[in-house]
Amino acid sequence: MAGTGPVPGGLVALLDVEEAGPDLFRGRPRGIPADRAFGGAVVAQSLLAATATVPDDRAVHSLHAYFVRAGDPAAPTDLQVTRVRDGGSYATREVTAVQHGRTTLVLTSSFARPETGPEHQVPALGAPPPESLPLPEESLAGAPAPVAEWLSWLDRRHPFDFRFDGALPRVAAGRGEAAPPRQRFWFRSREALPDDPRLHACALAYASDMLLLSVAVAPHGTVIGAPGVATASLDHAVWFHGPARADTWLCYEQESDRSAGGRAICSGRVFDREGRLVLSVVQEGMLRRRPV
């Protein structure tokens, strides 16, 4: 179980919460300087806490999280689990994440026993294999300096390898140009993870939040964090269609269908190497103009 110091880095360390009481768990601070905690990390730790209270024969098939307040990356997070229901096939859990005595996130997750049934899939994997794509620093060679700085930040922020398929909207924004609200990339954990499908599901919950809201600002020729732009994730939903390993290459397609009224809706699909759709993701985020 985890201690109380900052997470030294890597998914294995992050996805280790300590039991602090009856249905109460504690996630360590990540120890990465930032204005606010990465929402995907809080989602992953909350899901891990919920998973610890569910029988081993039930796997998560969906989660829905509301980001209530910005998290503090330098502080531990208390994760209180409520056992909403334990049925014959399904179990439901609610997790409240608390820092400094205030709720930062509320997550509801549902778990089910494995079943067989009719299968179909409409979306198809259209990306080239990751081995055929350049390294991120190669694909962004010659990009404006802020893009290179962002790439360094991305490397420190997330314990994943990336391969980008096509030009990132961020590159166009670095030139002050608008871009279509979509992007596609491969990702995998930099470290091998234990052979625990439920741990991999939590790692994928983390990854599902990576870069997703950024596609919503692409048509406006700017990036998250730029002067005059205020953004924040509001709610985040994930459906797990089957097991997948987070330490093997997975392809993430992201797009934003609509932005209006100070909010934007984004969606994503994650495929494995064989083209199976393993995750569906939807997120709504705040997107506002603010005085510079």
Foldseek 3Di string as FASTA:
>chain_A
DADAAAQPDFLVSLQDWADDDVLKIKGHQNPFDDPFAQPLSVQLNLLSSQVVVDDQQKAWFKKKKFFDATHDSHGMKMWHKDFPDDDPFKTKIWIFIDDPRDTGMIMIIMIGGDDDDDDDDDDWDDADDQVVADFPCVVCPPADPVVVVVVVVVVRRDQKGKGWGDDDLVSQLSVQAADALKTKMKIAGPDFDDPRQRSQVSVVSSVLSPCQCQSVCRRVSHGPPDAFKDKDWGMKMKGFPDTDGRHAIKMKIKGWDDDDDQKTKMKIWIAHPVGDTGMIMITMMGIGTDDD
